[in-house]
Amino acid sequence: MNLADRITIDSEICHGKPTIRGLRYPVETILELLSSGMTTDQILADYEDLEREDVLAALDFARRLSQVKRIEPVSA
């Protein structure tokens, strides 16, 4: 399974937020756990239905969202 395929968006699940494999784990939650200092192994221990690739998919999703095109400043 491609990492991007692990992220699903369904208006019936978590109000349409991106989630992991249609489970009720928003990508946002996984990123918050990582940013709080939890390791992937700690997350997997706490959420047994998640897989290592799910955490990697959340990170990859965030990476893709952060890619912005360079915006030229507007001259007055």
N, C-alpha and C. Protein backbone atom coordinates (compact mmCIF):
# COMPACT_ATOMS: atom_id res chain seq x y z
N MET A 1 0.84 -1.18 0.00
CA MET A 1 0.00 0.00 0.00
C MET A 1 0.89 1.25 0.00
N ASN A 2 0.60 2.16 -0.87
CA ASN A 2 1.29 3.45 -0.96
C ASN A 2 0.96 4.25 0.30
N LEU A 3 1.95 5.00 0.81
CA LEU A 3 1.71 5.80 2.01
C LEU A 3 0.53 6.74 1.84
N ALA A 4 0.41 7.38 0.69
CA ALA A 4 -0.69 8.32 0.45
C ALA A 4 -2.04 7.61 0.50
N ASP A 5 -2.08 6.34 0.14
CA ASP A 5 -3.33 5.59 0.15
C ASP A 5 -3.83 5.32 1.57
N ARG A 6 -2.98 5.47 2.55
CA ARG A 6 -3.36 5.24 3.95
C ARG A 6 -4.14 6.41 4.53
N ILE A 7 -4.11 7.55 3.86
CA ILE A 7 -4.83 8.73 4.33
C ILE A 7 -6.15 8.80 3.58
N THR A 8 -7.24 8.82 4.34
CA THR A 8 -8.56 8.87 3.72
C THR A 8 -9.33 10.09 4.24
N ILE A 9 -10.20 10.58 3.39
CA ILE A 9 -11.07 11.69 3.77
C ILE A 9 -12.50 11.27 3.46
N ASP A 10 -13.32 11.22 4.50
CA ASP A 10 -14.70 10.80 4.38
C ASP A 10 -15.54 11.73 5.25
N SER A 11 -16.51 12.37 4.65
CA SER A 11 -17.32 13.34 5.40
C SER A 11 -18.06 12.70 6.57
N GLU A 12 -18.20 11.39 6.56
CA GLU A 12 -18.90 10.68 7.64
C GLU A 12 -17.98 10.30 8.79
N ILE A 13 -16.68 10.48 8.62
CA ILE A 13 -15.71 10.10 9.65
C ILE A 13 -14.94 11.34 10.09
N CYS A 14 -14.98 11.64 11.37
CA CYS A 14 -14.24 12.77 11.96
C CYS A 14 -14.49 14.08 11.21
N HIS A 15 -15.75 14.31 10.83
CA HIS A 15 -16.15 15.56 10.18
C HIS A 15 -15.37 15.86 8.91
N GLY A 16 -14.92 14.81 8.23
CA GLY A 16 -14.21 15.00 6.96
C GLY A 16 -12.74 15.31 7.09
N LYS A 17 -12.21 15.25 8.30
CA LYS A 17 -10.77 15.47 8.47
C LYS A 17 -10.01 14.28 7.89
N PRO A 18 -8.79 14.50 7.41
CA PRO A 18 -7.98 13.37 6.94
C PRO A 18 -7.71 12.41 8.10
N THR A 19 -7.95 11.14 7.86
CA THR A 19 -7.75 10.12 8.89
C THR A 19 -6.87 9.00 8.36
N ILE A 20 -6.45 8.16 9.28
CA ILE A 20 -5.62 7.01 8.93
C ILE A 20 -6.54 5.84 8.56
N ARG A 21 -6.44 5.39 7.33
CA ARG A 21 -7.15 4.21 6.81
C ARG A 21 -8.64 4.16 7.18
N GLY A 22 -9.28 5.30 7.26
CA GLY A 22 -10.71 5.31 7.56
C GLY A 22 -11.02 5.04 9.02
N LEU A 23 -9.98 4.87 9.82
CA LEU A 23 -10.17 4.70 11.26
C LEU A 23 -10.46 6.08 11.84
N ARG A 24 -10.84 6.14 13.06
CA ARG A 24 -11.14 7.44 13.68
C ARG A 24 -9.91 8.05 14.35
N TYR A 25 -8.80 8.00 13.62
CA TYR A 25 -7.56 8.63 14.06
C TYR A 25 -7.20 9.72 13.04
N PRO A 26 -7.53 10.97 13.36
CA PRO A 26 -7.16 12.04 12.43
C PRO A 26 -5.64 12.15 12.30
N VAL A 27 -5.18 12.49 11.11
CA VAL A 27 -3.77 12.72 10.87
C VAL A 27 -3.27 13.77 11.87
N GLU A 28 -4.09 14.77 12.11
CA GLU A 28 -3.75 15.84 13.05
C GLU A 28 -3.36 15.28 14.42
N THR A 29 -4.07 14.28 14.89
CA THR A 29 -3.78 13.68 16.20
C THR A 29 -2.42 13.00 16.20
N ILE A 30 -2.12 12.27 15.14
CA ILE A 30 -0.83 11.58 15.05
C ILE A 30 0.30 12.61 15.05
N LEU A 31 0.11 13.69 14.31
CA LEU A 31 1.14 14.73 14.27
C LEU A 31 1.30 15.41 15.63
N GLU A 32 0.19 15.62 16.34
CA GLU A 32 0.27 16.21 17.67
C GLU A 32 1.04 15.30 18.63
N LEU A 33 0.80 14.00 18.54
CA LEU A 33 1.51 13.05 19.39
C LEU A 33 3.01 13.10 19.12
N LEU A 34 3.36 13.12 17.83
CA LEU A 34 4.78 13.18 17.46
C LEU A 34 5.40 14.49 17.92
N SER A 35 4.69 15.59 17.75
CA SER A 35 5.26 16.88 18.13
C SER A 35 5.35 17.05 19.64
N SER A 36 4.59 16.25 20.39
CA SER A 36 4.68 16.31 21.85
C SER A 36 5.88 15.52 22.37
N GLY A 37 6.54 14.79 21.46
CA GLY A 37 7.73 14.05 21.84
C GLY A 37 7.56 12.54 21.86
N MET A 38 6.35 12.06 21.60
CA MET A 38 6.16 10.61 21.56
C MET A 38 6.91 10.03 20.36
N THR A 39 7.45 8.84 20.55
CA THR A 39 8.11 8.14 19.45
C THR A 39 7.07 7.32 18.70
N THR A 40 7.43 6.90 17.52
CA THR A 40 6.54 6.02 16.75
C THR A 40 6.22 4.77 17.55
N ASP A 41 7.21 4.19 18.19
CA ASP A 41 6.98 2.98 18.98
C ASP A 41 6.00 3.23 20.12
N GLN A 42 6.09 4.38 20.76
CA GLN A 42 5.15 4.69 21.85
C GLN A 42 3.73 4.86 21.32
N ILE A 43 3.59 5.50 20.18
CA ILE A 43 2.26 5.66 19.57
C ILE A 43 1.69 4.30 19.22
N LEU A 44 2.51 3.45 18.62
CA LEU A 44 2.03 2.12 18.23
C LEU A 44 1.65 1.28 19.45
N ALA A 45 2.35 1.47 20.56
CA ALA A 45 2.02 0.73 21.78
C ALA A 45 0.68 1.20 22.35
N ASP A 46 0.40 2.51 22.23
CA ASP A 46 -0.85 3.06 22.76
C ASP A 46 -2.05 2.82 21.85
N TYR A 47 -1.80 2.73 20.54
CA TYR A 47 -2.88 2.58 19.55
C TYR A 47 -2.57 1.34 18.72
N GLU A 48 -2.98 0.20 19.24
CA GLU A 48 -2.57 -1.08 18.67
C GLU A 48 -3.10 -1.36 17.27
N ASP A 49 -4.13 -0.65 16.84
CA ASP A 49 -4.64 -0.89 15.48
C ASP A 49 -3.92 -0.04 14.43
N LEU A 50 -2.97 0.79 14.88
CA LEU A 50 -2.15 1.54 13.94
C LEU A 50 -0.89 0.75 13.58
N GLU A 51 -0.36 1.04 12.41
CA GLU A 51 0.86 0.40 11.92
C GLU A 51 1.92 1.46 11.68
N ARG A 52 3.16 1.05 11.70
CA ARG A 52 4.28 1.98 11.50
C ARG A 52 4.08 2.81 10.23
N GLU A 53 3.60 2.20 9.17
CA GLU A 53 3.38 2.90 7.92
C GLU A 53 2.31 3.98 8.05
N ASP A 54 1.39 3.82 9.00
CA ASP A 54 0.36 4.85 9.23
C ASP A 54 1.00 6.12 9.77
N VAL A 55 1.94 5.98 10.68
CA VAL A 55 2.64 7.14 11.24
C VAL A 55 3.47 7.81 10.14
N LEU A 56 4.14 7.00 9.34
CA LEU A 56 4.91 7.54 8.22
C LEU A 56 4.01 8.26 7.23
N ALA A 57 2.82 7.72 7.01
CA ALA A 57 1.86 8.35 6.09
C ALA A 57 1.41 9.70 6.62
N ALA A 58 1.21 9.81 7.92
CA ALA A 58 0.82 11.09 8.52
C ALA A 58 1.93 12.12 8.31
N LEU A 59 3.16 11.71 8.51
CA LEU A 59 4.29 12.61 8.29
C LEU A 59 4.41 13.01 6.82
N ASP A 60 4.21 12.06 5.94
CA ASP A 60 4.28 12.35 4.51
C ASP A 60 3.16 13.29 4.10
N PHE A 61 1.99 13.12 4.66
CA PHE A 61 0.85 14.00 4.38
C PHE A 61 1.20 15.43 4.79
N ALA A 62 1.77 15.58 5.98
CA ALA A 62 2.17 16.91 6.47
C ALA A 62 3.25 17.51 5.57
N ARG A 63 4.18 16.69 5.14
CA ARG A 63 5.24 17.17 4.24
C ARG A 63 4.64 17.71 2.95
N ARG A 64 3.70 16.96 2.38
CA ARG A 64 3.09 17.40 1.13
C ARG A 64 2.29 18.68 1.32
N LEU A 65 1.63 18.84 2.45
CA LEU A 65 0.87 20.06 2.71
C LEU A 65 1.79 21.27 2.89
N SER A 66 2.98 21.03 3.41
CA SER A 66 3.90 22.14 3.67
C SER A 66 4.63 22.62 2.42
N GLN A 67 4.53 21.89 1.34
CA GLN A 67 5.20 22.29 0.12
C GLN A 67 4.40 23.40 -0.54
N VAL A 68 4.96 24.59 -0.50
CA VAL A 68 4.29 25.73 -1.11
C VAL A 68 5.18 26.29 -2.20
N LYS A 69 4.55 26.84 -3.18
CA LYS A 69 5.31 27.47 -4.25
C LYS A 69 5.81 28.82 -3.76
N ARG A 70 6.93 29.20 -4.27
CA ARG A 70 7.51 30.50 -3.91
C ARG A 70 6.62 31.60 -4.45
N ILE A 71 6.30 32.54 -3.59
CA ILE A 71 5.45 33.65 -3.98
C ILE A 71 6.31 34.90 -4.12
N GLU A 72 6.23 35.52 -5.26
CA GLU A 72 7.00 36.74 -5.52
C GLU A 72 6.33 37.90 -4.80
N PRO A 73 7.13 38.75 -4.17
CA PRO A 73 6.54 39.93 -3.52
C PRO A 73 5.92 40.87 -4.55
N VAL A 74 4.84 41.51 -4.15
CA VAL A 74 4.15 42.44 -5.04
C VAL A 74 4.81 43.81 -4.91
N SER A 75 5.19 44.40 -6.03
CA SER A 75 5.80 45.74 -6.02
C SER A 75 4.71 46.79 -5.98
N ALA A 76 4.95 47.83 -5.22
CA ALA A 76 3.96 48.90 -5.11
C ALA A 76 4.14 49.92 -6.20
